[in-house]
Amino acid sequence: MTTISIERAQFVQNDIPTRLHNLAAHLTKINLLSTETTQPDEAIRLIRESQYFIEWTAREMDIDTAAELVDLMRVLSGWKLNWESTWSDATARNQVAVQASSWSQRVLEMSGKLNEPAAS
């Protein structure tokens, strides 16, 4: 079994709100790392893991929430694609930090909605 398979098996054992909290935590860490210049490899690792978290969670969500997560996946893919140039540019890193913070808040909101009781 590959490392990714093991991580997936462990991750999907959690309920959806917990998965979304984990995703939000990764985005918060990306935000913090983007304000520094010392850990580009850690930031890109978190971006990749966040992509996996979305892949492993979105299929179990309602269509609107899944679509938002796919939008986040696109953002993460853009960051990953241009990471070397982004990391070397303070303005671009700041933009990543702002976006990561905003997405973290949105993902936390998604998880909170999942915890609300269903309307009767």
N, C-alpha and C. Protein backbone atom coordinates (compact mmCIF):
# COMPACT_ATOMS: atom_id res chain seq x y z
N MET A 1 0.85 -1.18 0.00
CA MET A 1 0.00 0.00 0.00
C MET A 1 0.90 1.24 0.00
N THR A 2 0.60 2.20 -0.88
CA THR A 2 1.42 3.41 -0.96
C THR A 2 1.11 4.34 0.20
N THR A 3 2.01 5.29 0.41
CA THR A 3 1.81 6.28 1.47
C THR A 3 0.52 7.05 1.24
N ILE A 4 0.25 7.42 -0.01
CA ILE A 4 -0.98 8.15 -0.34
C ILE A 4 -2.20 7.31 0.00
N SER A 5 -2.17 6.04 -0.30
CA SER A 5 -3.31 5.15 0.00
C SER A 5 -3.56 5.07 1.50
N ILE A 6 -2.49 4.99 2.26
CA ILE A 6 -2.62 4.94 3.72
C ILE A 6 -3.20 6.25 4.24
N GLU A 7 -2.67 7.38 3.74
CA GLU A 7 -3.18 8.69 4.17
C GLU A 7 -4.66 8.84 3.81
N ARG A 8 -5.02 8.39 2.61
CA ARG A 8 -6.42 8.48 2.18
C ARG A 8 -7.30 7.65 3.10
N ALA A 9 -6.88 6.43 3.38
CA ALA A 9 -7.68 5.55 4.23
C ALA A 9 -7.90 6.18 5.61
N GLN A 10 -6.88 6.80 6.14
CA GLN A 10 -7.01 7.45 7.45
C GLN A 10 -7.89 8.70 7.35
N PHE A 11 -7.69 9.49 6.30
CA PHE A 11 -8.43 10.74 6.14
C PHE A 11 -9.92 10.50 5.98
N VAL A 12 -10.30 9.56 5.14
CA VAL A 12 -11.73 9.36 4.86
C VAL A 12 -12.47 8.67 6.00
N GLN A 13 -11.75 8.21 7.01
CA GLN A 13 -12.42 7.68 8.20
C GLN A 13 -13.09 8.80 9.00
N ASN A 14 -12.61 10.02 8.82
CA ASN A 14 -13.19 11.17 9.51
C ASN A 14 -14.51 11.58 8.86
N ASP A 15 -15.36 12.24 9.64
CA ASP A 15 -16.59 12.77 9.06
C ASP A 15 -16.25 14.00 8.22
N ILE A 16 -17.20 14.45 7.42
CA ILE A 16 -16.98 15.57 6.50
C ILE A 16 -16.56 16.85 7.24
N PRO A 17 -17.22 17.24 8.33
CA PRO A 17 -16.77 18.46 9.02
C PRO A 17 -15.31 18.38 9.47
N THR A 18 -14.88 17.22 9.95
CA THR A 18 -13.49 17.06 10.38
C THR A 18 -12.55 17.17 9.19
N ARG A 19 -12.92 16.58 8.08
CA ARG A 19 -12.09 16.69 6.87
C ARG A 19 -11.96 18.15 6.45
N LEU A 20 -13.07 18.87 6.49
CA LEU A 20 -13.03 20.28 6.09
C LEU A 20 -12.20 21.10 7.08
N HIS A 21 -12.27 20.77 8.36
CA HIS A 21 -11.42 21.45 9.34
C HIS A 21 -9.95 21.19 9.04
N ASN A 22 -9.61 19.97 8.66
CA ASN A 22 -8.23 19.65 8.30
C ASN A 22 -7.78 20.44 7.07
N LEU A 23 -8.65 20.55 6.09
CA LEU A 23 -8.35 21.34 4.90
C LEU A 23 -8.15 22.81 5.28
N ALA A 24 -9.04 23.34 6.10
CA ALA A 24 -8.91 24.73 6.53
C ALA A 24 -7.61 24.96 7.30
N ALA A 25 -7.22 23.99 8.12
CA ALA A 25 -5.96 24.10 8.86
C ALA A 25 -4.77 24.15 7.91
N HIS A 26 -4.81 23.35 6.86
CA HIS A 26 -3.74 23.38 5.87
C HIS A 26 -3.67 24.76 5.20
N LEU A 27 -4.83 25.30 4.86
CA LEU A 27 -4.86 26.61 4.22
C LEU A 27 -4.32 27.70 5.15
N THR A 28 -4.62 27.58 6.42
CA THR A 28 -4.09 28.53 7.40
C THR A 28 -2.57 28.42 7.47
N LYS A 29 -2.05 27.20 7.45
CA LYS A 29 -0.60 27.01 7.47
C LYS A 29 0.05 27.57 6.20
N ILE A 30 -0.61 27.38 5.05
CA ILE A 30 -0.10 27.94 3.79
C ILE A 30 -0.05 29.46 3.90
N ASN A 31 -1.09 30.04 4.48
CA ASN A 31 -1.13 31.48 4.71
C ASN A 31 0.09 31.92 5.51
N LEU A 32 0.32 31.25 6.64
CA LEU A 32 1.44 31.62 7.51
C LEU A 32 2.79 31.43 6.84
N LEU A 33 2.95 30.31 6.15
CA LEU A 33 4.23 30.05 5.47
C LEU A 33 4.49 31.05 4.34
N SER A 34 3.42 31.54 3.73
CA SER A 34 3.57 32.50 2.63
C SER A 34 4.05 33.86 3.11
N THR A 35 3.95 34.10 4.39
CA THR A 35 4.47 35.37 4.93
C THR A 35 5.93 35.24 5.31
N GLU A 36 6.47 34.03 5.23
CA GLU A 36 7.88 33.78 5.53
C GLU A 36 8.61 33.45 4.22
N THR A 37 9.88 33.27 4.29
CA THR A 37 10.63 32.88 3.09
C THR A 37 11.49 31.65 3.35
N THR A 38 11.23 30.94 4.43
CA THR A 38 12.14 29.88 4.84
C THR A 38 11.67 28.46 4.55
N GLN A 39 10.40 28.25 4.21
CA GLN A 39 9.91 26.88 4.07
C GLN A 39 9.08 26.66 2.80
N PRO A 40 9.64 26.94 1.63
CA PRO A 40 8.85 26.75 0.41
C PRO A 40 8.44 25.29 0.19
N ASP A 41 9.29 24.34 0.57
CA ASP A 41 8.96 22.92 0.38
C ASP A 41 7.79 22.49 1.26
N GLU A 42 7.73 23.01 2.47
CA GLU A 42 6.61 22.69 3.37
C GLU A 42 5.31 23.26 2.80
N ALA A 43 5.37 24.47 2.29
CA ALA A 43 4.17 25.09 1.72
C ALA A 43 3.66 24.29 0.52
N ILE A 44 4.55 23.89 -0.36
CA ILE A 44 4.10 23.13 -1.53
C ILE A 44 3.57 21.75 -1.12
N ARG A 45 4.13 21.16 -0.09
CA ARG A 45 3.63 19.88 0.43
C ARG A 45 2.19 20.05 0.92
N LEU A 46 1.94 21.14 1.64
CA LEU A 46 0.59 21.41 2.14
C LEU A 46 -0.39 21.67 1.00
N ILE A 47 0.08 22.32 -0.04
CA ILE A 47 -0.77 22.55 -1.22
C ILE A 47 -1.16 21.22 -1.84
N ARG A 48 -0.18 20.34 -2.02
CA ARG A 48 -0.48 19.01 -2.60
C ARG A 48 -1.45 18.23 -1.71
N GLU A 49 -1.19 18.21 -0.42
CA GLU A 49 -2.10 17.49 0.49
C GLU A 49 -3.50 18.08 0.46
N SER A 50 -3.59 19.39 0.38
CA SER A 50 -4.90 20.03 0.31
C SER A 50 -5.65 19.59 -0.94
N GLN A 51 -4.93 19.44 -2.04
CA GLN A 51 -5.57 18.95 -3.26
C GLN A 51 -6.13 17.54 -3.05
N TYR A 52 -5.35 16.70 -2.41
CA TYR A 52 -5.85 15.35 -2.10
C TYR A 52 -7.07 15.42 -1.19
N PHE A 53 -7.02 16.26 -0.16
CA PHE A 53 -8.16 16.39 0.75
C PHE A 53 -9.43 16.74 -0.01
N ILE A 54 -9.31 17.65 -0.97
CA ILE A 54 -10.47 18.04 -1.77
C ILE A 54 -10.95 16.87 -2.61
N GLU A 55 -10.02 16.20 -3.27
CA GLU A 55 -10.37 15.05 -4.10
C GLU A 55 -11.10 13.99 -3.30
N TRP A 56 -10.66 13.75 -2.09
CA TRP A 56 -11.22 12.69 -1.25
C TRP A 56 -12.52 13.11 -0.57
N THR A 57 -12.85 14.40 -0.62
CA THR A 57 -14.04 14.89 0.10
C THR A 57 -15.14 15.37 -0.83
N ALA A 58 -14.80 16.05 -1.91
CA ALA A 58 -15.79 16.71 -2.76
C ALA A 58 -16.86 15.75 -3.29
N ARG A 59 -16.48 14.53 -3.60
CA ARG A 59 -17.45 13.59 -4.17
C ARG A 59 -18.56 13.22 -3.19
N GLU A 60 -18.35 13.51 -1.91
CA GLU A 60 -19.36 13.19 -0.89
C GLU A 60 -20.18 14.42 -0.49
N MET A 61 -19.97 15.51 -1.17
CA MET A 61 -20.64 16.77 -0.83
C MET A 61 -21.81 17.02 -1.78
N ASP A 62 -22.67 17.95 -1.37
CA ASP A 62 -23.72 18.38 -2.30
C ASP A 62 -23.05 19.10 -3.47
N ILE A 63 -23.74 19.21 -4.57
CA ILE A 63 -23.15 19.71 -5.81
C ILE A 63 -22.61 21.14 -5.68
N ASP A 64 -23.30 22.01 -4.97
CA ASP A 64 -22.84 23.39 -4.84
C ASP A 64 -21.55 23.49 -4.02
N THR A 65 -21.50 22.75 -2.92
CA THR A 65 -20.30 22.76 -2.09
C THR A 65 -19.15 22.10 -2.83
N ALA A 66 -19.43 21.01 -3.52
CA ALA A 66 -18.39 20.34 -4.30
C ALA A 66 -17.83 21.29 -5.36
N ALA A 67 -18.69 22.07 -5.98
CA ALA A 67 -18.24 23.03 -7.00
C ALA A 67 -17.31 24.07 -6.39
N GLU A 68 -17.62 24.53 -5.19
CA GLU A 68 -16.73 25.48 -4.51
C GLU A 68 -15.38 24.84 -4.22
N LEU A 69 -15.40 23.59 -3.80
CA LEU A 69 -14.14 22.90 -3.53
C LEU A 69 -13.34 22.70 -4.82
N VAL A 70 -14.01 22.47 -5.92
CA VAL A 70 -13.32 22.37 -7.21
C VAL A 70 -12.69 23.72 -7.57
N ASP A 71 -13.38 24.81 -7.28
CA ASP A 71 -12.80 26.14 -7.50
C ASP A 71 -11.52 26.30 -6.67
N LEU A 72 -11.56 25.85 -5.42
CA LEU A 72 -10.38 25.91 -4.58
C LEU A 72 -9.27 25.03 -5.17
N MET A 73 -9.62 23.88 -5.69
CA MET A 73 -8.63 23.00 -6.32
C MET A 73 -7.94 23.72 -7.47
N ARG A 74 -8.69 24.48 -8.24
CA ARG A 74 -8.09 25.25 -9.34
C ARG A 74 -7.10 26.28 -8.82
N VAL A 75 -7.46 26.94 -7.74
CA VAL A 75 -6.56 27.93 -7.13
C VAL A 75 -5.27 27.24 -6.67
N LEU A 76 -5.41 26.13 -5.98
CA LEU A 76 -4.24 25.39 -5.50
C LEU A 76 -3.37 24.92 -6.67
N SER A 77 -4.00 24.48 -7.74
CA SER A 77 -3.25 24.04 -8.92
C SER A 77 -2.45 25.18 -9.52
N GLY A 78 -3.05 26.36 -9.55
CA GLY A 78 -2.34 27.54 -10.05
C GLY A 78 -1.14 27.88 -9.18
N TRP A 79 -1.34 27.81 -7.87
CA TRP A 79 -0.21 28.07 -6.97
C TRP A 79 0.90 27.07 -7.21
N LYS A 80 0.54 25.80 -7.30
CA LYS A 80 1.55 24.74 -7.46
C LYS A 80 2.29 24.90 -8.79
N LEU A 81 1.57 25.22 -9.83
CA LEU A 81 2.16 25.36 -11.16
C LEU A 81 3.22 26.47 -11.20
N ASN A 82 2.96 27.55 -10.50
CA ASN A 82 3.85 28.72 -10.54
C ASN A 82 4.62 28.93 -9.24
N TRP A 83 4.78 27.88 -8.45
CA TRP A 83 5.29 28.06 -7.09
C TRP A 83 6.67 28.70 -7.02
N GLU A 84 7.60 28.29 -7.85
CA GLU A 84 8.96 28.85 -7.77
C GLU A 84 8.95 30.35 -7.99
N SER A 85 8.24 30.80 -9.02
CA SER A 85 8.21 32.25 -9.27
C SER A 85 7.38 32.97 -8.21
N THR A 86 6.32 32.34 -7.74
CA THR A 86 5.51 32.95 -6.68
C THR A 86 6.32 33.11 -5.41
N TRP A 87 7.04 32.06 -5.04
CA TRP A 87 7.80 32.09 -3.79
C TRP A 87 8.88 33.17 -3.81
N SER A 88 9.44 33.44 -4.96
CA SER A 88 10.52 34.43 -5.05
C SER A 88 10.00 35.86 -5.16
N ASP A 89 8.70 36.04 -5.25
CA ASP A 89 8.09 37.36 -5.39
C ASP A 89 7.23 37.66 -4.16
N ALA A 90 7.67 38.63 -3.36
CA ALA A 90 6.97 38.95 -2.11
C ALA A 90 5.51 39.34 -2.34
N THR A 91 5.24 40.07 -3.41
CA THR A 91 3.86 40.48 -3.70
C THR A 91 3.00 39.27 -4.03
N ALA A 92 3.53 38.36 -4.83
CA ALA A 92 2.78 37.15 -5.19
C ALA A 92 2.56 36.27 -3.96
N ARG A 93 3.59 36.14 -3.10
CA ARG A 93 3.42 35.35 -1.86
C ARG A 93 2.36 35.97 -0.98
N ASN A 94 2.33 37.30 -0.90
CA ASN A 94 1.31 37.98 -0.11
C ASN A 94 -0.09 37.69 -0.66
N GLN A 95 -0.21 37.65 -1.97
CA GLN A 95 -1.50 37.34 -2.59
C GLN A 95 -1.93 35.91 -2.22
N VAL A 96 -0.98 34.98 -2.24
CA VAL A 96 -1.28 33.60 -1.83
C VAL A 96 -1.75 33.60 -0.38
N ALA A 97 -1.06 34.34 0.48
CA ALA A 97 -1.44 34.39 1.90
C ALA A 97 -2.87 34.89 2.07
N VAL A 98 -3.21 35.95 1.36
CA VAL A 98 -4.56 36.52 1.46
C VAL A 98 -5.60 35.52 0.95
N GLN A 99 -5.33 34.90 -0.19
CA GLN A 99 -6.27 33.92 -0.74
C GLN A 99 -6.41 32.71 0.17
N ALA A 100 -5.30 32.24 0.70
CA ALA A 100 -5.34 31.07 1.59
C ALA A 100 -6.17 31.37 2.83
N SER A 101 -6.01 32.56 3.37
CA SER A 101 -6.78 32.96 4.55
C SER A 101 -8.28 33.02 4.22
N SER A 102 -8.59 33.61 3.10
CA SER A 102 -9.99 33.72 2.68
C SER A 102 -10.61 32.34 2.45
N TRP A 103 -9.90 31.47 1.77
CA TRP A 103 -10.40 30.12 1.53
C TRP A 103 -10.52 29.33 2.82
N SER A 104 -9.58 29.52 3.74
CA SER A 104 -9.66 28.83 5.02
C SER A 104 -10.96 29.20 5.73
N GLN A 105 -11.28 30.47 5.75
CA GLN A 105 -12.53 30.93 6.37
C GLN A 105 -13.74 30.32 5.68
N ARG A 106 -13.71 30.29 4.35
CA ARG A 106 -14.84 29.74 3.60
C ARG A 106 -15.02 28.25 3.89
N VAL A 107 -13.92 27.52 3.95
CA VAL A 107 -14.00 26.08 4.22
C VAL A 107 -14.53 25.85 5.63
N LEU A 108 -14.11 26.68 6.58
CA LEU A 108 -14.66 26.57 7.94
C LEU A 108 -16.16 26.82 7.95
N GLU A 109 -16.61 27.79 7.16
CA GLU A 109 -18.05 28.04 7.05
C GLU A 109 -18.76 26.81 6.49
N MET A 110 -18.16 26.19 5.48
CA MET A 110 -18.76 24.97 4.91
C MET A 110 -18.91 23.90 5.98
N SER A 111 -17.91 23.73 6.78
CA SER A 111 -17.97 22.69 7.80
C SER A 111 -19.01 23.02 8.86
N GLY A 112 -19.16 24.29 9.18
CA GLY A 112 -20.16 24.70 10.16
C GLY A 112 -21.56 24.44 9.67
N LYS A 113 -21.80 24.64 8.41
CA LYS A 113 -23.12 24.38 7.85
C LYS A 113 -23.46 22.90 7.94
N LEU A 114 -22.46 22.07 7.84
CA LEU A 114 -22.70 20.65 7.92
C LEU A 114 -23.08 20.21 9.32
N ASN A 115 -22.72 21.02 10.31
CA ASN A 115 -23.02 20.68 11.70
C ASN A 115 -24.39 21.20 12.15
N GLU A 116 -24.99 22.06 11.33
CA GLU A 116 -26.29 22.60 11.70
C GLU A 116 -27.37 21.53 11.59
N PRO A 117 -28.36 21.59 12.48
CA PRO A 117 -29.45 20.61 12.37
C PRO A 117 -30.26 20.85 11.10
N ALA A 118 -30.75 19.79 10.54
CA ALA A 118 -31.56 19.90 9.32
C ALA A 118 -32.88 20.60 9.66
N ALA A 119 -33.36 21.37 8.69
CA ALA A 119 -34.65 22.06 8.89
C ALA A 119 -35.76 21.01 8.88
N SER A 120 -36.82 21.27 9.73
CA SER A 120 -37.92 20.30 9.76
C SER A 120 -39.06 20.70 8.87
